[in-house]
Amino acid sequence: MAFPDLLAVIGITLLALAGGTFWSFSTGVMPGLRRVDDATFVASMRAINRAVLNPLFLVPIFVAPLLLAWAALLELDSRGGGLLLAAALVYFVGGVVVTAAGNVPLNTALDGSTAPPSQTRAAFERRWNGLNTVRSIASVVAIALAALGLVVA
C-alpha cells in the first residue's frame, strides 16, 4: 500500500469514528436526554462535556482532516486526490469549525451557567442539536468523498 493510501485509510477511519460519535448523539444520546427533566439534562450534558475532553475523543475529530489533506496533497494530480481534499475541506468546515465555533462555546456556557436548569437547557439544547446535525451530515458526506477518493485513485 502506498503511503498516501495509508494516510487516507487512517484518516477515513478517524473520520468514521468522529462521525459515528456525532451520529450517535443525533440518533441516541440527545433523543434519550430529551426525555429527562431539565436538571438531569443539564447535569448529564455537563458530565458528558467534561468526559469527552480526552485523546480518544479529540484525536479523531481534529486529526482526521489533517491526514486526509496530507494524503490529498500527495495525490493532488489524481482524481482521488481531489476527492480526498474535498473530504478534508467538507469535514474541516462542517466538523472542526462547527465544533470549535459552535458546540464548544455552547458547552462552555452550559458548564458555567448559574441560571435555573430550564433556562440553561433552553439556551443550549436546540442550538447544540442543530450544530451537531451539521457535524453529522458533514461527516457522512466527507466519508463518502474520501472513500470515493480511494476507489478512483
Protein backbone atom coordinates (compact mmCIF):
# COMPACT_ATOMS: atom_id res chain seq x y z
CA MET A 1 0.00 0.00 0.00
CA ALA A 2 1.35 3.41 -0.97
CA PHE A 3 1.94 5.98 1.77
CA PRO A 4 -0.82 8.38 0.58
CA ASP A 5 -3.29 5.48 0.59
CA LEU A 6 -2.25 4.53 4.12
CA LEU A 7 -2.76 8.15 5.26
CA ALA A 8 -6.17 8.16 3.60
CA VAL A 9 -7.23 4.89 5.23
CA ILE A 10 -6.18 6.13 8.68
CA GLY A 11 -7.88 9.48 8.00
CA ILE A 12 -11.11 7.78 6.90
CA THR A 13 -11.02 5.53 9.96
CA LEU A 14 -10.62 8.53 12.28
CA LEU A 15 -13.28 10.40 10.33
CA ALA A 16 -15.66 7.46 10.74
CA LEU A 17 -15.01 7.43 14.49
CA ALA A 18 -15.70 11.17 14.76
CA GLY A 19 -18.74 10.99 12.50
CA GLY A 20 -20.05 7.99 14.43
CA THR A 21 -19.79 9.98 17.63
CA PHE A 22 -21.76 12.89 16.15
CA TRP A 23 -24.30 10.48 14.63
CA SER A 24 -24.72 8.66 17.96
CA PHE A 25 -25.51 11.95 19.67
CA SER A 26 -28.05 12.81 16.97
CA THR A 27 -29.75 9.43 16.95
CA GLY A 28 -29.48 8.16 20.52
CA VAL A 29 -27.92 10.36 23.18
CA MET A 30 -29.85 13.56 22.59
CA PRO A 31 -33.21 11.85 21.90
CA GLY A 32 -32.69 9.98 25.17
CA LEU A 33 -31.84 13.16 27.06
CA ARG A 34 -34.86 14.88 25.52
CA ARG A 35 -36.96 12.62 27.79
CA VAL A 36 -35.37 13.71 31.08
CA ASP A 37 -36.13 16.70 33.29
CA ASP A 38 -34.17 19.94 32.93
CA ALA A 39 -31.87 19.43 35.93
CA THR A 40 -30.95 15.91 34.78
CA PHE A 41 -30.36 17.16 31.23
CA VAL A 42 -28.02 19.94 32.36
CA ALA A 43 -26.14 17.68 34.77
CA SER A 44 -25.82 14.95 32.13
CA MET A 45 -24.52 17.29 29.43
CA ARG A 46 -22.05 18.84 31.85
CA ALA A 47 -20.75 15.38 32.74
CA ILE A 48 -20.55 14.33 29.07
CA ASN A 49 -18.80 17.54 28.05
CA ARG A 50 -16.15 17.02 30.72
CA ALA A 51 -15.72 13.33 29.92
CA VAL A 52 -15.06 13.90 26.21
CA LEU A 53 -12.02 16.05 26.90
CA ASN A 54 -9.66 13.15 26.27
CA PRO A 55 -7.45 11.98 23.39
CA LEU A 56 -9.74 9.09 22.40
CA PHE A 57 -12.47 11.63 21.62
CA LEU A 58 -10.39 14.58 20.42
CA VAL A 59 -7.81 12.89 18.15
CA PRO A 60 -10.33 11.51 15.63
CA ILE A 61 -12.17 14.83 15.43
CA PHE A 62 -9.13 17.01 14.87
CA VAL A 63 -6.58 14.71 13.19
CA ALA A 64 -8.82 13.15 10.51
CA PRO A 65 -8.93 16.21 8.22
CA LEU A 66 -5.18 16.72 8.56
CA LEU A 67 -4.42 13.18 7.41
CA LEU A 68 -6.92 13.40 4.56
CA ALA A 69 -5.48 16.73 3.41
CA TRP A 70 -1.94 15.34 3.62
CA ALA A 71 -2.93 12.30 1.56
CA ALA A 72 -4.71 14.59 -0.91
CA LEU A 73 -1.68 16.82 -1.34
CA LEU A 74 0.46 13.77 -2.09
CA GLU A 75 -2.06 12.64 -4.71
CA LEU A 76 -3.30 16.02 -5.95
CA ASP A 77 -2.58 15.18 -9.58
CA SER A 78 -5.13 12.34 -9.49
CA ARG A 79 -8.93 12.34 -9.34
CA GLY A 80 -8.68 10.60 -5.99
CA GLY A 81 -6.55 13.40 -4.57
CA GLY A 82 -9.20 15.95 -5.41
CA LEU A 83 -11.88 13.90 -3.70
CA LEU A 84 -9.70 13.42 -0.62
CA LEU A 85 -9.11 17.17 -0.48
CA ALA A 86 -12.84 17.82 -0.84
CA ALA A 87 -13.49 15.37 2.00
CA ALA A 88 -10.93 17.10 4.21
CA LEU A 89 -12.44 20.52 3.49
CA VAL A 90 -16.07 19.43 3.97
CA TYR A 91 -15.23 17.80 7.28
CA PHE A 92 -12.93 20.61 8.42
CA VAL A 93 -15.65 23.22 7.92
CA GLY A 94 -18.64 21.08 8.93
CA GLY A 95 -16.93 19.16 11.72
CA VAL A 96 -13.96 21.03 13.15
CA VAL A 97 -15.06 24.64 12.59
CA VAL A 98 -18.64 23.95 13.71
CA THR A 99 -17.33 22.16 16.80
CA ALA A 100 -14.86 24.90 17.72
CA ALA A 101 -17.05 27.88 16.86
CA GLY A 102 -20.44 26.47 17.85
CA ASN A 103 -20.61 23.41 20.06
CA VAL A 104 -17.63 24.22 22.29
CA PRO A 105 -18.86 27.73 23.18
CA LEU A 106 -22.30 26.28 23.95
CA ASN A 107 -20.69 23.60 26.12
CA THR A 108 -18.67 26.26 27.94
CA ALA A 109 -21.77 28.40 28.50
CA LEU A 110 -23.70 25.39 29.77
CA ASP A 111 -20.90 24.48 32.15
CA GLY A 112 -20.69 27.99 33.61
CA SER A 113 -24.39 28.78 33.71
CA THR A 114 -25.89 29.77 37.03
CA ALA A 115 -29.38 30.18 35.56
CA PRO A 116 -32.13 27.74 36.50
CA PRO A 117 -31.85 24.42 34.65
CA SER A 118 -34.89 25.20 32.46
CA GLN A 119 -33.27 28.40 31.17
CA THR A 120 -29.87 26.78 30.78
CA ARG A 121 -31.39 23.94 28.78
CA ALA A 122 -33.46 26.31 26.63
CA ALA A 123 -30.35 28.32 25.73
CA PHE A 124 -28.41 25.17 24.84
CA GLU A 125 -30.34 22.17 23.58
CA ARG A 126 -31.90 23.28 20.29
CA ARG A 127 -28.82 25.19 19.09
CA TRP A 128 -26.42 22.41 20.10
CA ASN A 129 -28.56 19.78 18.35
CA GLY A 130 -28.71 21.86 15.18
CA LEU A 131 -24.94 22.25 15.13
CA ASN A 132 -24.49 18.55 15.81
CA THR A 133 -26.75 17.75 12.86
CA VAL A 134 -24.43 19.82 10.66
CA ARG A 135 -21.44 17.87 12.03
CA SER A 136 -23.18 14.55 11.38
CA ILE A 137 -24.10 15.41 7.79
CA ALA A 138 -20.66 16.84 7.05
CA SER A 139 -19.07 13.67 8.39
CA VAL A 140 -21.22 11.40 6.22
CA VAL A 141 -20.51 13.48 3.11
CA ALA A 142 -16.79 13.58 3.90
CA ILE A 143 -16.61 9.82 4.49
CA ALA A 144 -18.31 9.18 1.15
CA LEU A 145 -15.98 11.62 -0.68
CA ALA A 146 -12.88 10.12 0.94
CA ALA A 147 -13.96 6.56 0.17
CA LEU A 148 -14.57 7.53 -3.44
CA GLY A 149 -11.16 9.14 -3.46
CA LEU A 150 -9.57 5.82 -2.63
CA VAL A 151 -11.64 3.94 -5.18
CA VAL A 152 -10.92 6.21 -8.15
CA ALA A 153 -7.25 6.85 -7.30
